N, C-alpha and C. Protein backbone atom coordinates (compact mmCIF):
# COMPACT_ATOMS: atom_id res chain seq x y z
N MET A 1 0.83 -1.18 0.00
CA MET A 1 0.00 0.00 0.00
C MET A 1 0.87 1.24 0.00
N LEU A 2 0.38 2.27 -0.64
CA LEU A 2 1.06 3.56 -0.69
C LEU A 2 0.14 4.60 -0.08
N TYR A 3 0.65 5.34 0.89
CA TYR A 3 -0.12 6.49 1.35
C TYR A 3 0.63 7.74 0.92
N PHE A 4 -0.10 8.65 0.31
CA PHE A 4 0.45 9.89 -0.21
C PHE A 4 0.07 11.03 0.73
N TYR A 5 0.97 11.97 0.89
CA TYR A 5 0.72 13.11 1.76
C TYR A 5 1.46 14.32 1.18
N PRO A 6 0.99 15.52 1.50
CA PRO A 6 1.61 16.71 0.92
C PRO A 6 3.08 16.89 1.30
N MET A 7 3.38 16.92 2.59
CA MET A 7 4.76 17.10 3.05
C MET A 7 4.80 16.98 4.56
N THR A 8 5.94 16.55 5.08
CA THR A 8 6.13 16.57 6.53
C THR A 8 6.93 17.82 6.87
N GLY A 9 6.54 18.42 7.99
CA GLY A 9 7.29 19.57 8.47
C GLY A 9 8.56 19.10 9.17
N ARG A 10 9.49 20.02 9.30
CA ARG A 10 10.74 19.73 9.99
C ARG A 10 10.86 20.76 11.12
N PRO A 11 11.20 20.30 12.32
CA PRO A 11 11.33 21.25 13.43
C PRO A 11 12.26 22.41 13.06
N GLY A 12 11.79 23.63 13.36
CA GLY A 12 12.60 24.82 13.11
C GLY A 12 12.52 25.36 11.69
N VAL A 13 11.80 24.67 10.80
CA VAL A 13 11.66 25.13 9.42
C VAL A 13 10.20 25.57 9.22
N PRO A 14 9.99 26.82 8.78
CA PRO A 14 8.62 27.30 8.62
C PRO A 14 7.84 26.51 7.56
N LEU A 15 6.54 26.35 7.82
CA LEU A 15 5.66 25.70 6.86
C LEU A 15 5.32 26.69 5.74
N PRO A 16 4.82 26.20 4.61
CA PRO A 16 4.45 27.10 3.52
C PRO A 16 3.39 28.13 3.97
N THR A 17 3.31 29.22 3.24
CA THR A 17 2.37 30.30 3.53
C THR A 17 0.94 29.77 3.60
N GLY A 18 0.25 30.08 4.70
CA GLY A 18 -1.15 29.70 4.85
C GLY A 18 -1.41 28.22 5.02
N TRP A 19 -0.38 27.45 5.39
CA TRP A 19 -0.48 25.99 5.47
C TRP A 19 -1.67 25.53 6.30
N ASP A 20 -1.87 26.16 7.45
CA ASP A 20 -2.95 25.73 8.34
C ASP A 20 -4.34 26.02 7.77
N GLN A 21 -4.44 26.91 6.79
CA GLN A 21 -5.74 27.23 6.19
C GLN A 21 -6.05 26.39 4.94
N ILE A 22 -5.11 25.59 4.49
CA ILE A 22 -5.33 24.75 3.31
C ILE A 22 -6.01 23.46 3.75
N PRO A 23 -7.23 23.20 3.29
CA PRO A 23 -7.92 21.97 3.70
C PRO A 23 -7.11 20.73 3.36
N GLY A 24 -6.89 19.88 4.36
CA GLY A 24 -6.20 18.62 4.15
C GLY A 24 -4.69 18.70 4.16
N ALA A 25 -4.12 19.91 4.29
CA ALA A 25 -2.66 20.02 4.26
C ALA A 25 -2.04 19.54 5.57
N ARG A 26 -2.58 19.99 6.67
CA ARG A 26 -2.01 19.66 7.98
C ARG A 26 -2.32 18.21 8.33
N GLY A 27 -1.40 17.55 8.99
CA GLY A 27 -1.67 16.19 9.48
C GLY A 27 -0.77 15.12 8.89
N CYS A 28 0.28 15.50 8.18
CA CYS A 28 1.15 14.50 7.56
C CYS A 28 1.92 13.69 8.59
N THR A 29 2.43 14.35 9.62
CA THR A 29 3.17 13.62 10.65
C THR A 29 2.24 12.70 11.44
N PRO A 30 1.04 13.16 11.88
CA PRO A 30 0.14 12.23 12.57
C PRO A 30 -0.25 11.02 11.70
N GLN A 31 -0.40 11.23 10.40
CA GLN A 31 -0.73 10.12 9.50
C GLN A 31 0.41 9.12 9.47
N SER A 32 1.62 9.59 9.31
CA SER A 32 2.79 8.69 9.28
C SER A 32 2.95 7.96 10.60
N CYS A 33 2.77 8.67 11.69
CA CYS A 33 2.91 8.05 13.01
C CYS A 33 1.82 7.01 13.26
N SER A 34 0.64 7.24 12.72
CA SER A 34 -0.43 6.26 12.85
C SER A 34 -0.09 4.98 12.09
N PHE A 35 0.46 5.12 10.88
CA PHE A 35 0.90 3.93 10.15
C PHE A 35 2.05 3.24 10.89
N ARG A 36 2.92 4.01 11.52
CA ARG A 36 4.01 3.44 12.34
C ARG A 36 3.41 2.65 13.51
N ASP A 37 2.47 3.24 14.21
CA ASP A 37 1.90 2.62 15.40
C ASP A 37 1.09 1.36 15.08
N HIS A 38 0.58 1.27 13.87
CA HIS A 38 -0.23 0.11 13.46
C HIS A 38 0.51 -0.78 12.47
N TYR A 39 1.81 -0.58 12.36
CA TYR A 39 2.60 -1.30 11.36
C TYR A 39 2.50 -2.82 11.52
N GLY A 40 2.59 -3.31 12.74
CA GLY A 40 2.49 -4.76 12.98
C GLY A 40 1.17 -5.33 12.52
N GLU A 41 0.08 -4.63 12.81
CA GLU A 41 -1.25 -5.08 12.37
C GLU A 41 -1.33 -5.10 10.85
N LEU A 42 -0.80 -4.07 10.22
CA LEU A 42 -0.84 -4.00 8.76
C LEU A 42 -0.03 -5.13 8.14
N GLN A 43 1.15 -5.40 8.70
CA GLN A 43 1.97 -6.51 8.20
C GLN A 43 1.24 -7.84 8.37
N ALA A 44 0.59 -8.02 9.52
CA ALA A 44 -0.14 -9.27 9.77
C ALA A 44 -1.27 -9.47 8.76
N LEU A 45 -1.78 -8.38 8.22
CA LEU A 45 -2.84 -8.45 7.22
C LEU A 45 -2.28 -8.51 5.80
N GLY A 46 -0.95 -8.60 5.69
CA GLY A 46 -0.32 -8.76 4.38
C GLY A 46 0.06 -7.47 3.69
N ALA A 47 -0.03 -6.34 4.39
CA ALA A 47 0.27 -5.06 3.76
C ALA A 47 1.75 -4.72 3.89
N THR A 48 2.30 -4.19 2.82
CA THR A 48 3.62 -3.57 2.82
C THR A 48 3.37 -2.08 2.71
N VAL A 49 3.92 -1.30 3.62
CA VAL A 49 3.61 0.12 3.74
C VAL A 49 4.74 0.99 3.20
N PHE A 50 4.36 2.00 2.40
CA PHE A 50 5.28 3.03 1.95
C PHE A 50 4.54 4.36 1.99
N GLY A 51 5.21 5.40 2.46
CA GLY A 51 4.69 6.76 2.38
C GLY A 51 5.33 7.46 1.20
N VAL A 52 4.58 8.35 0.55
CA VAL A 52 5.08 9.04 -0.64
C VAL A 52 4.71 10.52 -0.58
N SER A 53 5.68 11.38 -0.84
CA SER A 53 5.41 12.81 -1.03
C SER A 53 6.39 13.34 -2.07
N THR A 54 6.29 14.63 -2.33
CA THR A 54 7.16 15.24 -3.33
C THR A 54 8.48 15.73 -2.73
N GLN A 55 8.69 15.49 -1.45
CA GLN A 55 9.94 15.92 -0.83
C GLN A 55 11.10 15.04 -1.30
N ALA A 56 12.28 15.62 -1.33
CA ALA A 56 13.47 14.91 -1.81
C ALA A 56 13.80 13.71 -0.93
N SER A 57 14.53 12.76 -1.50
CA SER A 57 14.87 11.52 -0.79
C SER A 57 15.59 11.76 0.53
N ASP A 58 16.52 12.72 0.57
CA ASP A 58 17.23 12.98 1.83
C ASP A 58 16.28 13.53 2.90
N TYR A 59 15.33 14.35 2.49
CA TYR A 59 14.32 14.88 3.42
C TYR A 59 13.47 13.72 3.94
N GLN A 60 13.07 12.83 3.03
CA GLN A 60 12.25 11.68 3.41
C GLN A 60 13.00 10.78 4.40
N GLN A 61 14.27 10.55 4.14
CA GLN A 61 15.06 9.70 5.02
C GLN A 61 15.17 10.32 6.41
N GLU A 62 15.41 11.63 6.47
CA GLU A 62 15.49 12.32 7.77
C GLU A 62 14.18 12.20 8.52
N ALA A 63 13.07 12.40 7.83
CA ALA A 63 11.75 12.32 8.48
C ALA A 63 11.50 10.90 9.00
N ALA A 64 11.82 9.91 8.20
CA ALA A 64 11.61 8.51 8.62
C ALA A 64 12.43 8.19 9.86
N GLU A 65 13.66 8.67 9.91
CA GLU A 65 14.51 8.44 11.08
C GLU A 65 13.98 9.20 12.30
N ARG A 66 13.62 10.47 12.10
CA ARG A 66 13.14 11.30 13.21
C ARG A 66 11.84 10.75 13.80
N LEU A 67 10.97 10.24 12.94
CA LEU A 67 9.68 9.72 13.39
C LEU A 67 9.74 8.23 13.76
N HIS A 68 10.92 7.62 13.63
CA HIS A 68 11.11 6.19 13.95
C HIS A 68 10.15 5.31 13.16
N LEU A 69 10.07 5.56 11.86
CA LEU A 69 9.18 4.78 11.00
C LEU A 69 9.85 3.46 10.61
N PRO A 70 9.12 2.35 10.70
CA PRO A 70 9.68 1.05 10.33
C PRO A 70 9.51 0.74 8.84
N PHE A 71 9.16 1.73 8.05
CA PHE A 71 8.96 1.60 6.61
C PHE A 71 9.58 2.82 5.94
N ASP A 72 9.74 2.73 4.63
CA ASP A 72 10.38 3.80 3.88
C ASP A 72 9.39 4.87 3.46
N LEU A 73 9.89 6.10 3.42
CA LEU A 73 9.18 7.21 2.79
C LEU A 73 9.84 7.41 1.44
N LEU A 74 9.06 7.44 0.40
CA LEU A 74 9.57 7.53 -0.96
C LEU A 74 9.36 8.94 -1.51
N SER A 75 10.24 9.33 -2.41
CA SER A 75 10.16 10.65 -3.03
C SER A 75 9.58 10.55 -4.44
N ASP A 76 8.57 11.38 -4.69
CA ASP A 76 8.07 11.58 -6.04
C ASP A 76 8.31 13.05 -6.39
N GLU A 77 9.57 13.45 -6.18
CA GLU A 77 9.98 14.85 -6.31
C GLU A 77 9.65 15.43 -7.68
N ASN A 78 9.73 14.62 -8.72
CA ASN A 78 9.44 15.10 -10.07
C ASN A 78 8.01 14.84 -10.50
N LEU A 79 7.19 14.35 -9.56
CA LEU A 79 5.76 14.09 -9.80
C LEU A 79 5.52 13.03 -10.88
N THR A 80 6.48 12.18 -11.11
CA THR A 80 6.35 11.15 -12.14
C THR A 80 5.19 10.21 -11.83
N LEU A 81 5.16 9.67 -10.62
CA LEU A 81 4.08 8.76 -10.23
C LEU A 81 2.75 9.49 -10.11
N ALA A 82 2.77 10.66 -9.48
CA ALA A 82 1.54 11.43 -9.31
C ALA A 82 0.88 11.76 -10.65
N LYS A 83 1.69 12.15 -11.62
CA LYS A 83 1.14 12.46 -12.94
C LYS A 83 0.68 11.20 -13.66
N ALA A 84 1.44 10.12 -13.57
CA ALA A 84 1.07 8.87 -14.24
C ALA A 84 -0.26 8.34 -13.72
N LEU A 85 -0.53 8.55 -12.43
CA LEU A 85 -1.76 8.07 -11.82
C LEU A 85 -2.85 9.14 -11.76
N SER A 86 -2.57 10.32 -12.28
CA SER A 86 -3.49 11.47 -12.24
C SER A 86 -3.99 11.74 -10.82
N LEU A 87 -3.04 11.75 -9.88
CA LEU A 87 -3.39 11.99 -8.49
C LEU A 87 -3.78 13.45 -8.28
N PRO A 88 -4.65 13.71 -7.31
CA PRO A 88 -5.02 15.10 -7.03
C PRO A 88 -3.84 15.84 -6.39
N MET A 89 -3.62 17.07 -6.84
CA MET A 89 -2.50 17.87 -6.36
C MET A 89 -2.98 19.30 -6.09
N PHE A 90 -2.13 20.06 -5.41
CA PHE A 90 -2.39 21.47 -5.18
C PHE A 90 -1.07 22.22 -5.14
N GLU A 91 -1.14 23.55 -5.26
CA GLU A 91 0.06 24.38 -5.25
C GLU A 91 0.07 25.30 -4.06
N VAL A 92 1.26 25.49 -3.48
CA VAL A 92 1.47 26.46 -2.42
C VAL A 92 2.94 26.89 -2.49
N ASP A 93 3.17 28.20 -2.41
CA ASP A 93 4.54 28.74 -2.47
C ASP A 93 5.33 28.17 -3.64
N ASP A 94 4.73 28.11 -4.81
CA ASP A 94 5.37 27.61 -6.03
C ASP A 94 5.78 26.14 -5.96
N LYS A 95 5.19 25.39 -5.04
CA LYS A 95 5.44 23.95 -4.94
C LYS A 95 4.15 23.23 -5.31
N VAL A 96 4.28 22.17 -6.07
CA VAL A 96 3.14 21.30 -6.36
C VAL A 96 3.24 20.12 -5.40
N LEU A 97 2.17 19.91 -4.64
CA LEU A 97 2.13 18.85 -3.64
C LEU A 97 0.97 17.91 -3.91
N ILE A 98 1.12 16.68 -3.48
CA ILE A 98 0.08 15.66 -3.68
C ILE A 98 -0.89 15.72 -2.51
N LYS A 99 -2.17 15.68 -2.83
CA LYS A 99 -3.18 15.64 -1.78
C LYS A 99 -3.13 14.27 -1.09
N ARG A 100 -3.60 14.24 0.12
CA ARG A 100 -3.55 13.04 0.94
C ARG A 100 -4.52 11.97 0.41
N LEU A 101 -3.98 10.78 0.13
CA LEU A 101 -4.78 9.63 -0.27
C LEU A 101 -3.98 8.36 -0.03
N THR A 102 -4.68 7.24 -0.01
CA THR A 102 -4.03 5.95 0.20
C THR A 102 -4.50 4.98 -0.87
N LEU A 103 -3.56 4.24 -1.44
CA LEU A 103 -3.86 3.24 -2.46
C LEU A 103 -3.51 1.86 -1.94
N ILE A 104 -4.43 0.93 -2.09
CA ILE A 104 -4.14 -0.48 -1.83
C ILE A 104 -3.89 -1.10 -3.19
N ILE A 105 -2.74 -1.74 -3.33
CA ILE A 105 -2.31 -2.29 -4.61
C ILE A 105 -2.08 -3.78 -4.46
N LYS A 106 -2.63 -4.55 -5.36
CA LYS A 106 -2.46 -6.01 -5.37
C LYS A 106 -2.04 -6.42 -6.77
N ASN A 107 -0.88 -7.06 -6.89
CA ASN A 107 -0.37 -7.52 -8.18
C ASN A 107 -0.34 -6.41 -9.22
N GLY A 108 0.10 -5.23 -8.80
CA GLY A 108 0.24 -4.11 -9.72
C GLY A 108 -1.05 -3.40 -10.07
N GLU A 109 -2.15 -3.77 -9.45
CA GLU A 109 -3.44 -3.15 -9.73
C GLU A 109 -3.95 -2.43 -8.48
N ILE A 110 -4.44 -1.21 -8.67
CA ILE A 110 -5.03 -0.47 -7.57
C ILE A 110 -6.41 -1.07 -7.30
N VAL A 111 -6.60 -1.61 -6.09
CA VAL A 111 -7.86 -2.27 -5.76
C VAL A 111 -8.72 -1.46 -4.79
N LYS A 112 -8.14 -0.44 -4.17
CA LYS A 112 -8.90 0.41 -3.25
C LYS A 112 -8.21 1.75 -3.14
N VAL A 113 -9.02 2.81 -3.15
CA VAL A 113 -8.52 4.18 -2.98
C VAL A 113 -9.24 4.79 -1.78
N PHE A 114 -8.47 5.32 -0.86
CA PHE A 114 -9.03 6.08 0.25
C PHE A 114 -8.79 7.55 -0.06
N TYR A 115 -9.86 8.28 -0.39
CA TYR A 115 -9.76 9.69 -0.71
C TYR A 115 -11.13 10.31 -0.58
N PRO A 116 -11.27 11.43 0.06
CA PRO A 116 -10.23 12.14 0.80
C PRO A 116 -9.93 11.41 2.11
N VAL A 117 -8.77 11.71 2.66
CA VAL A 117 -8.36 11.14 3.95
C VAL A 117 -8.47 12.24 4.99
N PHE A 118 -9.43 12.09 5.89
CA PHE A 118 -9.61 13.04 6.98
C PHE A 118 -10.40 12.38 8.10
N PRO A 119 -9.99 12.53 9.31
CA PRO A 119 -8.72 13.10 9.75
C PRO A 119 -7.58 12.13 9.45
N SER A 120 -6.42 12.69 9.27
CA SER A 120 -5.28 11.92 8.78
C SER A 120 -4.83 10.83 9.74
N ASP A 121 -4.97 11.05 11.03
CA ASP A 121 -4.49 10.07 12.00
C ASP A 121 -5.38 8.83 12.09
N ARG A 122 -6.50 8.83 11.40
CA ARG A 122 -7.40 7.66 11.40
C ARG A 122 -7.24 6.80 10.14
N ASN A 123 -6.39 7.24 9.22
CA ASN A 123 -6.23 6.54 7.96
C ASN A 123 -5.76 5.10 8.14
N ALA A 124 -4.79 4.88 9.02
CA ALA A 124 -4.30 3.52 9.25
C ALA A 124 -5.42 2.61 9.74
N ASN A 125 -6.25 3.11 10.64
CA ASN A 125 -7.38 2.31 11.13
C ASN A 125 -8.37 1.99 10.02
N GLU A 126 -8.62 2.95 9.13
CA GLU A 126 -9.52 2.71 7.99
C GLU A 126 -8.96 1.61 7.09
N VAL A 127 -7.67 1.66 6.85
CA VAL A 127 -7.03 0.64 6.01
C VAL A 127 -7.13 -0.73 6.68
N ILE A 128 -6.85 -0.79 7.96
CA ILE A 128 -6.93 -2.06 8.71
C ILE A 128 -8.34 -2.62 8.65
N THR A 129 -9.33 -1.78 8.91
CA THR A 129 -10.73 -2.24 8.86
C THR A 129 -11.07 -2.78 7.48
N TRP A 130 -10.65 -2.08 6.43
CA TRP A 130 -10.94 -2.54 5.08
C TRP A 130 -10.25 -3.88 4.81
N LEU A 131 -8.98 -4.00 5.19
CA LEU A 131 -8.24 -5.24 4.95
C LEU A 131 -8.86 -6.41 5.73
N GLN A 132 -9.36 -6.15 6.92
CA GLN A 132 -9.96 -7.21 7.74
C GLN A 132 -11.27 -7.69 7.13
N ASN A 133 -11.93 -6.84 6.38
CA ASN A 133 -13.26 -7.17 5.87
C ASN A 133 -13.30 -7.55 4.39
N ILE A 134 -12.15 -7.69 3.78
CA ILE A 134 -12.09 -8.05 2.37
C ILE A 134 -11.25 -9.30 2.21
N ASP A 135 -11.67 -10.15 1.32
CA ASP A 135 -10.86 -11.33 1.00
C ASP A 135 -9.90 -10.91 -0.09
N ILE A 136 -8.73 -10.43 0.30
CA ILE A 136 -7.76 -9.88 -0.64
C ILE A 136 -7.27 -10.94 -1.64
N THR A 137 -7.36 -12.22 -1.27
CA THR A 137 -6.93 -13.26 -2.20
C THR A 137 -7.88 -13.39 -3.38
N SER A 138 -9.13 -12.89 -3.21
CA SER A 138 -10.07 -12.99 -4.31
C SER A 138 -9.96 -11.82 -5.29
N LEU A 139 -9.14 -10.83 -4.93
CA LEU A 139 -9.00 -9.68 -5.81
C LEU A 139 -8.08 -9.99 -6.98
């Protein structure tokens, strides 16, 4: 599964202009931490977890280490994946960011989309509930 988010903040670095007023922008760290906290449950249900944003790989690595994430955060800095999948995006401070959503992928096929994701810290629980109630082998 891939969960997409606009960006994680870094302590001491200001957020983009008006960040708190952009619907769905805030909450990237709580979303990642929720997937971290439920990682064992997700693995037990057969899920492999990756987070994705447009931030550079070194930024993603720092965030994963700082947040103690047991999975990788991937960079779609050039929006290659976002554009190929026609993901919803928005602009702030001359940056194009991906809106928050989660994709469940089985054998290269997207079988479930969670969008919009709100509140962000409940996304992992939504994914777990869906996985518990679907026979993923039949997909």
